[in-house]
Amino acid sequence: ALRARALVYDHRLQPSALLVLTFSARSRADLAAKLGRAFPPSAALPRVATYHAQALAILRAAGCQLPVLEAADAYRLLGDILITLGVVGESGKPTPGSFRYAQRVISTQKSRTASLEELDRRAAKLPASERRLFTMYQQALRAEGRIDFDDMILMAIAALDDKYVHVGYAHVLLDE
């Protein structure tokens, strides 16, 4: 909050030219409250958003209207895939550990990738069982016409790189 205040008052930056990004909704609320205390009551405040909320705003500005996979739907989708792959417990259903493993495989691939093109190349290098899981997940997402939270980040980067949208912020502050 103090850095944002310094940019506005010491460097004469308009608050609307400053974006503050953070990881969670809770830390977004905390930062917004700190900014509210750091600026006079009537002052305009910089935008504070989570990475995913900003990515979604970029996608919507670029014209992408694909719905985001909700947690319950992700659980259902992964469960179906794990059953198809035979990754089940004694009950014939996926175990909590198999869900965590599948989520980790998928999210790790996407979070370590800088572009959608690189994602396919990286997935091709996975061990066969993980590659099959990842490929089935991606195919299921496409079949449902949805994106997941990790896709939002990758697609927003692509939209910015391809100049489909201009976000208009002179400075972006990242909360750790």
N, C-alpha and C. Protein backbone atom coordinates (compact mmCIF):
# COMPACT_ATOMS: atom_id res chain seq x y z
N ALA A 1 0.83 -1.19 0.00
CA ALA A 1 0.00 0.00 0.00
C ALA A 1 0.88 1.26 0.00
N LEU A 2 1.98 1.20 0.72
CA LEU A 2 2.86 2.36 0.77
C LEU A 2 3.54 2.60 -0.57
N ARG A 3 3.89 1.53 -1.29
CA ARG A 3 4.48 1.70 -2.62
C ARG A 3 3.48 2.34 -3.57
N ALA A 4 2.25 1.88 -3.50
CA ALA A 4 1.21 2.46 -4.36
C ALA A 4 1.02 3.93 -4.04
N ARG A 5 0.99 4.25 -2.77
CA ARG A 5 0.82 5.65 -2.36
C ARG A 5 2.00 6.49 -2.86
N ALA A 6 3.21 5.95 -2.75
CA ALA A 6 4.40 6.68 -3.22
C ALA A 6 4.35 6.91 -4.73
N LEU A 7 3.90 5.93 -5.48
CA LEU A 7 3.80 6.11 -6.94
C LEU A 7 2.80 7.20 -7.29
N VAL A 8 1.72 7.25 -6.55
CA VAL A 8 0.68 8.25 -6.84
C VAL A 8 1.12 9.64 -6.39
N TYR A 9 1.61 9.76 -5.18
CA TYR A 9 1.92 11.08 -4.65
C TYR A 9 3.33 11.58 -4.95
N ASP A 10 4.31 10.69 -4.90
CA ASP A 10 5.69 11.13 -5.14
C ASP A 10 6.03 11.18 -6.63
N HIS A 11 5.43 10.28 -7.40
CA HIS A 11 5.75 10.21 -8.82
C HIS A 11 4.61 10.70 -9.71
N ARG A 12 3.57 11.21 -9.09
CA ARG A 12 2.44 11.82 -9.81
C ARG A 12 1.75 10.85 -10.79
N LEU A 13 1.66 9.62 -10.40
CA LEU A 13 0.97 8.62 -11.22
C LEU A 13 -0.52 8.64 -10.89
N GLN A 14 -1.35 8.58 -11.90
CA GLN A 14 -2.79 8.50 -11.67
C GLN A 14 -3.13 7.13 -11.08
N PRO A 15 -3.97 7.07 -10.05
CA PRO A 15 -4.33 5.77 -9.47
C PRO A 15 -4.87 4.78 -10.50
N SER A 16 -5.57 5.27 -11.52
CA SER A 16 -6.12 4.39 -12.55
C SER A 16 -5.03 3.76 -13.42
N ALA A 17 -3.79 4.25 -13.33
CA ALA A 17 -2.69 3.69 -14.11
C ALA A 17 -1.90 2.65 -13.32
N LEU A 18 -2.40 2.31 -12.14
CA LEU A 18 -1.70 1.38 -11.26
C LEU A 18 -2.58 0.17 -10.97
N LEU A 19 -2.02 -1.00 -11.15
CA LEU A 19 -2.70 -2.26 -10.86
C LEU A 19 -1.91 -2.99 -9.78
N VAL A 20 -2.61 -3.46 -8.76
CA VAL A 20 -1.98 -4.22 -7.69
C VAL A 20 -2.56 -5.64 -7.75
N LEU A 21 -1.68 -6.63 -7.94
CA LEU A 21 -2.11 -8.02 -8.06
C LEU A 21 -1.68 -8.84 -6.86
N THR A 22 -2.54 -9.78 -6.49
CA THR A 22 -2.26 -10.66 -5.37
C THR A 22 -2.82 -12.04 -5.67
N PHE A 23 -2.49 -13.02 -4.83
CA PHE A 23 -2.88 -14.40 -5.11
C PHE A 23 -4.29 -14.76 -4.68
N SER A 24 -4.74 -14.29 -3.55
CA SER A 24 -6.02 -14.78 -3.03
C SER A 24 -7.02 -13.65 -2.81
N ALA A 25 -8.28 -14.01 -2.73
CA ALA A 25 -9.33 -13.03 -2.47
C ALA A 25 -9.14 -12.41 -1.09
N ARG A 26 -8.67 -13.20 -0.16
CA ARG A 26 -8.44 -12.67 1.20
C ARG A 26 -7.34 -11.61 1.19
N SER A 27 -6.23 -11.90 0.52
CA SER A 27 -5.15 -10.90 0.49
C SER A 27 -5.56 -9.70 -0.35
N ARG A 28 -6.42 -9.89 -1.34
CA ARG A 28 -6.95 -8.78 -2.12
C ARG A 28 -7.76 -7.85 -1.21
N ALA A 29 -8.60 -8.43 -0.37
CA ALA A 29 -9.40 -7.62 0.56
C ALA A 29 -8.50 -6.90 1.55
N ASP A 30 -7.47 -7.58 2.06
CA ASP A 30 -6.53 -6.95 2.99
C ASP A 30 -5.80 -5.78 2.34
N LEU A 31 -5.33 -5.98 1.11
CA LEU A 31 -4.63 -4.91 0.40
C LEU A 31 -5.55 -3.74 0.10
N ALA A 32 -6.77 -4.03 -0.30
CA ALA A 32 -7.73 -2.96 -0.59
C ALA A 32 -7.98 -2.14 0.67
N ALA A 33 -8.09 -2.81 1.81
CA ALA A 33 -8.29 -2.09 3.07
C ALA A 33 -7.07 -1.23 3.41
N LYS A 34 -5.88 -1.76 3.21
CA LYS A 34 -4.65 -0.99 3.47
C LYS A 34 -4.56 0.22 2.55
N LEU A 35 -4.93 0.04 1.29
CA LEU A 35 -4.93 1.18 0.36
C LEU A 35 -5.95 2.23 0.81
N GLY A 36 -7.08 1.77 1.28
CA GLY A 36 -8.10 2.70 1.77
C GLY A 36 -7.59 3.54 2.93
N ARG A 37 -6.74 2.94 3.75
CA ARG A 37 -6.17 3.69 4.88
C ARG A 37 -4.99 4.56 4.46
N ALA A 38 -4.29 4.18 3.39
CA ALA A 38 -3.10 4.91 2.95
C ALA A 38 -3.43 6.15 2.13
N PHE A 39 -4.64 6.22 1.60
CA PHE A 39 -5.06 7.34 0.77
C PHE A 39 -6.14 8.14 1.49
N PRO A 40 -6.26 9.40 1.17
CA PRO A 40 -7.34 10.19 1.76
C PRO A 40 -8.70 9.58 1.41
N PRO A 41 -9.71 9.79 2.26
CA PRO A 41 -11.03 9.16 2.06
C PRO A 41 -11.66 9.44 0.69
N SER A 42 -11.46 10.58 0.13
CA SER A 42 -12.10 10.91 -1.16
C SER A 42 -11.24 10.58 -2.37
N ALA A 43 -10.05 10.04 -2.14
CA ALA A 43 -9.11 9.78 -3.25
C ALA A 43 -9.52 8.55 -4.06
N ALA A 44 -9.23 8.60 -5.34
CA ALA A 44 -9.39 7.42 -6.19
C ALA A 44 -8.31 6.42 -5.80
N LEU A 45 -8.65 5.14 -5.84
CA LEU A 45 -7.70 4.11 -5.45
C LEU A 45 -7.27 3.28 -6.66
N PRO A 46 -6.04 2.76 -6.63
CA PRO A 46 -5.62 1.84 -7.69
C PRO A 46 -6.49 0.58 -7.67
N ARG A 47 -6.54 -0.11 -8.81
CA ARG A 47 -7.27 -1.38 -8.87
C ARG A 47 -6.46 -2.44 -8.14
N VAL A 48 -7.14 -3.22 -7.32
CA VAL A 48 -6.54 -4.36 -6.63
C VAL A 48 -7.31 -5.60 -7.08
N ALA A 49 -6.60 -6.60 -7.58
CA ALA A 49 -7.26 -7.80 -8.08
C ALA A 49 -6.39 -9.02 -7.81
N THR A 50 -7.02 -10.17 -7.81
CA THR A 50 -6.25 -11.42 -7.79
C THR A 50 -5.73 -11.66 -9.20
N TYR A 51 -4.71 -12.48 -9.30
CA TYR A 51 -4.17 -12.82 -10.61
C TYR A 51 -5.26 -13.39 -11.52
N HIS A 52 -6.07 -14.29 -10.94
CA HIS A 52 -7.11 -14.94 -11.74
C HIS A 52 -8.23 -13.97 -12.13
N ALA A 53 -8.61 -13.08 -11.25
CA ALA A 53 -9.65 -12.11 -11.60
C ALA A 53 -9.16 -11.18 -12.71
N GLN A 54 -7.91 -10.77 -12.63
CA GLN A 54 -7.37 -9.90 -13.68
C GLN A 54 -7.24 -10.66 -14.99
N ALA A 55 -6.81 -11.91 -14.91
CA ALA A 55 -6.71 -12.72 -16.12
C ALA A 55 -8.08 -12.87 -16.78
N LEU A 56 -9.10 -13.11 -15.98
CA LEU A 56 -10.45 -13.24 -16.53
C LEU A 56 -10.91 -11.92 -17.15
N ALA A 57 -10.60 -10.80 -16.50
CA ALA A 57 -10.96 -9.49 -17.07
C ALA A 57 -10.27 -9.28 -18.42
N ILE A 58 -9.02 -9.69 -18.53
CA ILE A 58 -8.29 -9.58 -19.79
C ILE A 58 -8.95 -10.45 -20.86
N LEU A 59 -9.30 -11.68 -20.49
CA LEU A 59 -9.94 -12.57 -21.46
C LEU A 59 -11.27 -12.02 -21.93
N ARG A 60 -12.06 -11.49 -21.00
CA ARG A 60 -13.36 -10.94 -21.38
C ARG A 60 -13.17 -9.73 -22.30
N ALA A 61 -12.17 -8.90 -22.00
CA ALA A 61 -11.89 -7.74 -22.86
C ALA A 61 -11.43 -8.17 -24.25
N ALA A 62 -10.79 -9.34 -24.31
CA ALA A 62 -10.31 -9.86 -25.60
C ALA A 62 -11.42 -10.60 -26.35
N GLY A 63 -12.59 -10.73 -25.73
CA GLY A 63 -13.73 -11.37 -26.40
C GLY A 63 -13.93 -12.83 -26.07
N CYS A 64 -13.13 -13.38 -25.18
CA CYS A 64 -13.28 -14.79 -24.79
C CYS A 64 -14.41 -14.90 -23.77
N GLN A 65 -15.42 -15.66 -24.10
CA GLN A 65 -16.56 -15.83 -23.20
C GLN A 65 -16.67 -17.24 -22.65
N LEU A 66 -15.62 -18.05 -22.80
CA LEU A 66 -15.66 -19.42 -22.29
C LEU A 66 -15.88 -19.40 -20.78
N PRO A 67 -16.79 -20.24 -20.28
CA PRO A 67 -17.00 -20.28 -18.83
C PRO A 67 -15.84 -20.97 -18.12
N VAL A 68 -15.63 -20.57 -16.88
CA VAL A 68 -14.56 -21.12 -16.06
C VAL A 68 -15.09 -22.34 -15.30
N LEU A 69 -14.31 -23.39 -15.30
CA LEU A 69 -14.67 -24.62 -14.61
C LEU A 69 -14.75 -24.37 -13.11
N GLU A 70 -15.91 -24.60 -12.54
CA GLU A 70 -16.10 -24.43 -11.09
C GLU A 70 -15.53 -25.65 -10.35
N ALA A 71 -15.30 -25.51 -9.07
CA ALA A 71 -14.66 -26.56 -8.28
C ALA A 71 -15.45 -27.88 -8.33
N ALA A 72 -16.76 -27.82 -8.18
CA ALA A 72 -17.57 -29.04 -8.20
C ALA A 72 -17.50 -29.74 -9.55
N ASP A 73 -17.49 -28.97 -10.61
CA ASP A 73 -17.39 -29.56 -11.95
C ASP A 73 -16.00 -30.13 -12.19
N ALA A 74 -14.98 -29.48 -11.66
CA ALA A 74 -13.61 -29.99 -11.80
C ALA A 74 -13.49 -31.33 -11.07
N TYR A 75 -14.07 -31.42 -9.91
CA TYR A 75 -14.05 -32.66 -9.12
C TYR A 75 -14.75 -33.78 -9.89
N ARG A 76 -15.91 -33.48 -10.47
CA ARG A 76 -16.66 -34.46 -11.26
C ARG A 76 -15.85 -34.90 -12.48
N LEU A 77 -15.30 -33.92 -13.19
CA LEU A 77 -14.54 -34.21 -14.40
C LEU A 77 -13.32 -35.07 -14.09
N LEU A 78 -12.56 -34.69 -13.07
CA LEU A 78 -11.38 -35.47 -12.69
C LEU A 78 -11.78 -36.86 -12.21
N GLY A 79 -12.88 -36.94 -11.47
CA GLY A 79 -13.36 -38.24 -11.00
C GLY A 79 -13.66 -39.18 -12.15
N ASP A 80 -14.34 -38.68 -13.16
CA ASP A 80 -14.65 -39.49 -14.34
C ASP A 80 -13.38 -39.97 -15.04
N ILE A 81 -12.41 -39.08 -15.14
CA ILE A 81 -11.15 -39.44 -15.81
C ILE A 81 -10.40 -40.50 -14.99
N LEU A 82 -10.33 -40.30 -13.69
CA LEU A 82 -9.62 -41.26 -12.84
C LEU A 82 -10.29 -42.64 -12.90
N ILE A 83 -11.61 -42.66 -12.93
CA ILE A 83 -12.32 -43.94 -13.05
C ILE A 83 -11.99 -44.60 -14.38
N THR A 84 -12.01 -43.82 -15.46
CA THR A 84 -11.67 -44.35 -16.79
C THR A 84 -10.25 -44.91 -16.80
N LEU A 85 -9.35 -44.26 -16.11
CA LEU A 85 -7.95 -44.71 -16.06
C LEU A 85 -7.74 -45.85 -15.06
N GLY A 86 -8.76 -46.16 -14.28
CA GLY A 86 -8.64 -47.23 -13.29
C GLY A 86 -7.89 -46.82 -12.04
N VAL A 87 -7.81 -45.52 -11.80
CA VAL A 87 -7.12 -45.01 -10.61
C VAL A 87 -8.17 -44.83 -9.52
N VAL A 88 -8.52 -45.96 -8.89
CA VAL A 88 -9.60 -45.96 -7.89
C VAL A 88 -9.17 -46.75 -6.67
N GLY A 89 -9.87 -46.51 -5.59
CA GLY A 89 -9.63 -47.25 -4.36
C GLY A 89 -10.48 -48.51 -4.31
N GLU A 90 -10.55 -49.11 -3.13
CA GLU A 90 -11.32 -50.34 -2.95
C GLU A 90 -12.81 -50.14 -3.23
N SER A 91 -13.30 -48.93 -3.03
CA SER A 91 -14.72 -48.64 -3.25
C SER A 91 -15.07 -48.52 -4.73
N GLY A 92 -14.05 -48.53 -5.58
CA GLY A 92 -14.29 -48.34 -7.00
C GLY A 92 -14.36 -46.87 -7.39
N LYS A 93 -14.11 -46.01 -6.43
CA LYS A 93 -14.12 -44.57 -6.68
C LYS A 93 -12.72 -44.01 -6.43
N PRO A 94 -12.41 -42.88 -7.06
CA PRO A 94 -11.10 -42.26 -6.82
C PRO A 94 -10.94 -41.87 -5.34
N THR A 95 -9.75 -42.01 -4.84
CA THR A 95 -9.47 -41.64 -3.45
C THR A 95 -9.08 -40.16 -3.38
N PRO A 96 -9.16 -39.55 -2.20
CA PRO A 96 -8.69 -38.16 -2.08
C PRO A 96 -7.25 -37.99 -2.55
N GLY A 97 -6.41 -38.98 -2.29
CA GLY A 97 -5.02 -38.91 -2.74
C GLY A 97 -4.90 -38.91 -4.25
N SER A 98 -5.75 -39.69 -4.93
CA SER A 98 -5.67 -39.72 -6.39
C SER A 98 -6.16 -38.39 -6.98
N PHE A 99 -7.14 -37.76 -6.33
CA PHE A 99 -7.57 -36.43 -6.79
C PHE A 99 -6.45 -35.41 -6.64
N ARG A 100 -5.79 -35.43 -5.48
CA ARG A 100 -4.69 -34.48 -5.24
C ARG A 100 -3.56 -34.70 -6.25
N TYR A 101 -3.25 -35.97 -6.51
CA TYR A 101 -2.20 -36.30 -7.47
C TYR A 101 -2.58 -35.77 -8.86
N ALA A 102 -3.79 -36.01 -9.30
CA ALA A 102 -4.24 -35.56 -10.63
C ALA A 102 -4.21 -34.04 -10.72
N GLN A 103 -4.69 -33.38 -9.69
CA GLN A 103 -4.67 -31.91 -9.69
C GLN A 103 -3.25 -31.39 -9.75
N ARG A 104 -2.35 -32.04 -9.02
CA ARG A 104 -0.94 -31.60 -9.01
C ARG A 104 -0.30 -31.78 -10.39
N VAL A 105 -0.55 -32.92 -11.03
CA VAL A 105 0.01 -33.17 -12.36
C VAL A 105 -0.45 -32.10 -13.33
N ILE A 106 -1.74 -31.82 -13.33
CA ILE A 106 -2.32 -30.87 -14.28
C ILE A 106 -1.84 -29.45 -13.99
N SER A 107 -1.95 -29.05 -12.74
CA SER A 107 -1.59 -27.68 -12.38
C SER A 107 -0.09 -27.44 -12.56
N THR A 108 0.73 -28.43 -12.23
CA THR A 108 2.18 -28.28 -12.39
C THR A 108 2.54 -28.04 -13.85
N GLN A 109 1.93 -28.79 -14.73
CA GLN A 109 2.21 -28.61 -16.16
C GLN A 109 1.84 -27.21 -16.62
N LYS A 110 0.69 -26.75 -16.19
CA LYS A 110 0.22 -25.45 -16.65
C LYS A 110 0.97 -24.30 -15.99
N SER A 111 1.30 -24.43 -14.72
CA SER A 111 1.95 -23.32 -14.02
C SER A 111 3.42 -23.17 -14.40
N ARG A 112 4.02 -24.21 -14.96
CA ARG A 112 5.42 -24.14 -15.37
C ARG A 112 5.56 -23.82 -16.86
N THR A 113 4.50 -23.38 -17.45
CA THR A 113 4.47 -23.14 -18.88
C THR A 113 4.19 -21.67 -19.14
N ALA A 114 4.87 -21.10 -20.12
CA ALA A 114 4.70 -19.69 -20.42
C ALA A 114 3.71 -19.43 -21.55
N SER A 115 3.36 -20.48 -22.32
CA SER A 115 2.46 -20.27 -23.44
C SER A 115 1.64 -21.53 -23.70
N LEU A 116 0.56 -21.37 -24.43
CA LEU A 116 -0.27 -22.51 -24.79
C LEU A 116 0.49 -23.49 -25.69
N GLU A 117 1.32 -22.96 -26.57
CA GLU A 117 2.11 -23.80 -27.46
C GLU A 117 3.11 -24.64 -26.66
N GLU A 118 3.74 -24.01 -25.70
CA GLU A 118 4.71 -24.73 -24.88
C GLU A 118 4.03 -25.81 -24.05
N LEU A 119 2.79 -25.58 -23.68
CA LEU A 119 2.04 -26.54 -22.86
C LEU A 119 1.97 -27.90 -23.56
N ASP A 120 1.67 -27.91 -24.84
CA ASP A 120 1.59 -29.17 -25.59
C ASP A 120 2.95 -29.85 -25.67
N ARG A 121 4.02 -29.07 -25.87
CA ARG A 121 5.36 -29.65 -25.93
C ARG A 121 5.75 -30.25 -24.58
N ARG A 122 5.45 -29.56 -23.52
CA ARG A 122 5.79 -30.07 -22.18
C ARG A 122 5.00 -31.33 -21.86
N ALA A 123 3.72 -31.33 -22.22
CA ALA A 123 2.87 -32.49 -21.93
C ALA A 123 3.38 -33.73 -22.65
N ALA A 124 3.92 -33.55 -23.86
CA ALA A 124 4.44 -34.68 -24.63
C ALA A 124 5.62 -35.35 -23.93
N LYS A 125 6.28 -34.64 -23.02
CA LYS A 125 7.45 -35.19 -22.33
C LYS A 125 7.09 -35.86 -21.00
N LEU A 126 5.83 -35.83 -20.62
CA LEU A 126 5.40 -36.46 -19.37
C LEU A 126 5.50 -37.97 -19.46
N PRO A 127 5.64 -38.64 -18.30
CA PRO A 127 5.52 -40.10 -18.32
C PRO A 127 4.14 -40.48 -18.89
N ALA A 128 4.04 -41.65 -19.49
CA ALA A 128 2.84 -42.05 -20.23
C ALA A 128 1.56 -41.92 -19.42
N SER A 129 1.56 -42.34 -18.17
CA SER A 129 0.32 -42.29 -17.38
C SER A 129 -0.09 -40.85 -17.09
N GLU A 130 0.88 -39.99 -16.80
CA GLU A 130 0.57 -38.58 -16.54
C GLU A 130 0.15 -37.87 -17.83
N ARG A 131 0.80 -38.23 -18.94
CA ARG A 131 0.44 -37.64 -20.23
C ARG A 131 -1.00 -38.00 -20.58
N ARG A 132 -1.39 -39.24 -20.33
CA ARG A 132 -2.76 -39.68 -20.64
C ARG A 132 -3.76 -38.92 -19.76
N LEU A 133 -3.45 -38.80 -18.47
CA LEU A 133 -4.32 -38.04 -17.56
C LEU A 133 -4.46 -36.60 -18.04
N PHE A 134 -3.34 -35.97 -18.33
CA PHE A 134 -3.35 -34.58 -18.74
C PHE A 134 -4.12 -34.40 -20.06
N THR A 135 -3.86 -35.27 -21.01
CA THR A 135 -4.53 -35.18 -22.31
C THR A 135 -6.04 -35.38 -22.16
N MET A 136 -6.44 -36.36 -21.37
CA MET A 136 -7.87 -36.60 -21.16
C MET A 136 -8.53 -35.40 -20.49
N TYR A 137 -7.83 -34.79 -19.54
CA TYR A 137 -8.38 -33.62 -18.86
C TYR A 137 -8.56 -32.47 -19.85
N GLN A 138 -7.54 -32.21 -20.64
CA GLN A 138 -7.64 -31.12 -21.63
C GLN A 138 -8.75 -31.39 -22.64
N GLN A 139 -8.88 -32.62 -23.08
CA GLN A 139 -9.94 -32.98 -24.03
C GLN A 139 -11.32 -32.79 -23.40
N ALA A 140 -11.44 -33.18 -22.13
CA ALA A 140 -12.72 -33.03 -21.43
C ALA A 140 -13.08 -31.55 -21.27
N LEU A 141 -12.09 -30.73 -20.96
CA LEU A 141 -12.34 -29.29 -20.87
C LEU A 141 -12.85 -28.74 -22.20
N ARG A 142 -12.16 -29.10 -23.28
CA ARG A 142 -12.58 -28.64 -24.60
C ARG A 142 -13.97 -29.13 -24.96
N ALA A 143 -14.26 -30.39 -24.64
CA ALA A 143 -15.58 -30.96 -24.95
C ALA A 143 -16.70 -30.22 -24.23
N GLU A 144 -16.40 -29.74 -23.02
CA GLU A 144 -17.39 -28.98 -22.25
C GLU A 144 -17.35 -27.49 -22.59
N GLY A 145 -16.39 -27.08 -23.41
CA GLY A 145 -16.29 -25.68 -23.78
C GLY A 145 -15.94 -24.78 -22.62
N ARG A 146 -15.03 -25.26 -21.76
CA ARG A 146 -14.65 -24.51 -20.56
C ARG A 146 -13.15 -24.34 -20.47
N ILE A 147 -12.76 -23.47 -19.56
CA ILE A 147 -11.35 -23.30 -19.22
C ILE A 147 -11.23 -23.45 -17.71
N ASP A 148 -10.03 -23.79 -17.25
CA ASP A 148 -9.82 -23.85 -15.80
C ASP A 148 -9.01 -22.63 -15.35
N PHE A 149 -8.74 -22.55 -14.07
CA PHE A 149 -8.05 -21.38 -13.53
C PHE A 149 -6.66 -21.21 -14.12
N ASP A 150 -5.96 -22.31 -14.34
CA ASP A 150 -4.63 -22.21 -14.93
C ASP A 150 -4.71 -21.75 -16.38
N ASP A 151 -5.74 -22.20 -17.11
CA ASP A 151 -5.93 -21.75 -18.49
C ASP A 151 -6.14 -20.24 -18.56
N MET A 152 -6.84 -19.70 -17.57
CA MET A 152 -7.09 -18.25 -17.58
C MET A 152 -5.78 -17.48 -17.65
N ILE A 153 -4.80 -17.90 -16.86
CA ILE A 153 -3.51 -17.21 -16.84
C ILE A 153 -2.82 -17.35 -18.19
N LEU A 154 -2.73 -18.58 -18.71
CA LEU A 154 -2.06 -18.80 -20.00
C LEU A 154 -2.75 -18.06 -21.13
N MET A 155 -4.06 -18.08 -21.15
CA MET A 155 -4.80 -17.41 -22.23
C MET A 155 -4.70 -15.89 -22.12
N ALA A 156 -4.66 -15.37 -20.90
CA ALA A 156 -4.50 -13.92 -20.72
C ALA A 156 -3.12 -13.48 -21.20
N ILE A 157 -2.10 -14.27 -20.90
CA ILE A 157 -0.76 -13.96 -21.39
C ILE A 157 -0.75 -13.95 -22.91
N ALA A 158 -1.39 -14.94 -23.52
CA ALA A 158 -1.45 -15.00 -24.99
C ALA A 158 -2.19 -13.79 -25.56
N ALA A 159 -3.28 -13.40 -24.92
CA ALA A 159 -4.04 -12.23 -25.40
C ALA A 159 -3.20 -10.96 -25.32
N LEU A 160 -2.43 -10.81 -24.25
CA LEU A 160 -1.56 -9.64 -24.11
C LEU A 160 -0.41 -9.71 -25.11
N ASP A 161 0.21 -10.88 -25.25
CA ASP A 161 1.31 -11.04 -26.19
C ASP A 161 0.88 -10.76 -27.63
N ASP A 162 -0.33 -11.20 -27.97
CA ASP A 162 -0.84 -11.02 -29.33
C ASP A 162 -1.51 -9.67 -29.53
N LYS A 163 -1.48 -8.85 -28.49
CA LYS A 163 -2.04 -7.49 -28.54
C LYS A 163 -3.54 -7.47 -28.84
N TYR A 164 -4.26 -8.52 -28.39
CA TYR A 164 -5.71 -8.54 -28.54
C TYR A 164 -6.38 -7.53 -27.62
N VAL A 165 -5.67 -7.19 -26.56
CA VAL A 165 -6.24 -6.28 -25.58
C VAL A 165 -5.10 -5.47 -24.96
N HIS A 166 -5.42 -4.26 -24.58
CA HIS A 166 -4.46 -3.40 -23.90
C HIS A 166 -5.05 -3.10 -22.53
N VAL A 167 -4.31 -3.40 -21.48
CA VAL A 167 -4.85 -3.22 -20.14
C VAL A 167 -4.69 -1.81 -19.60
N GLY A 168 -3.76 -1.03 -20.11
CA GLY A 168 -3.66 0.38 -19.78
C GLY A 168 -3.05 0.73 -18.44
N TYR A 169 -2.32 -0.15 -17.83
CA TYR A 169 -1.68 0.16 -16.56
C TYR A 169 -0.21 0.49 -16.80
N ALA A 170 0.24 1.62 -16.26
CA ALA A 170 1.64 2.01 -16.40
C ALA A 170 2.52 1.22 -15.45
N HIS A 171 1.95 0.83 -14.31
CA HIS A 171 2.70 0.09 -13.29
C HIS A 171 1.84 -1.04 -12.74
N VAL A 172 2.48 -2.16 -12.51
CA VAL A 172 1.81 -3.30 -11.90
C VAL A 172 2.63 -3.68 -10.67
N LEU A 173 2.01 -3.68 -9.52
CA LEU A 173 2.66 -4.11 -8.29
C LEU A 173 2.19 -5.53 -7.97
N LEU A 174 3.14 -6.39 -7.65
CA LEU A 174 2.81 -7.79 -7.35
C LEU A 174 3.00 -8.05 -5.87
N ASP A 175 1.95 -8.57 -5.26
CA ASP A 175 2.02 -8.96 -3.85
C ASP A 175 2.56 -10.38 -3.78
N GLU A 176 3.46 -10.62 -2.87
CA GLU A 176 4.04 -11.96 -2.76
C GLU A 176 3.17 -12.86 -1.99
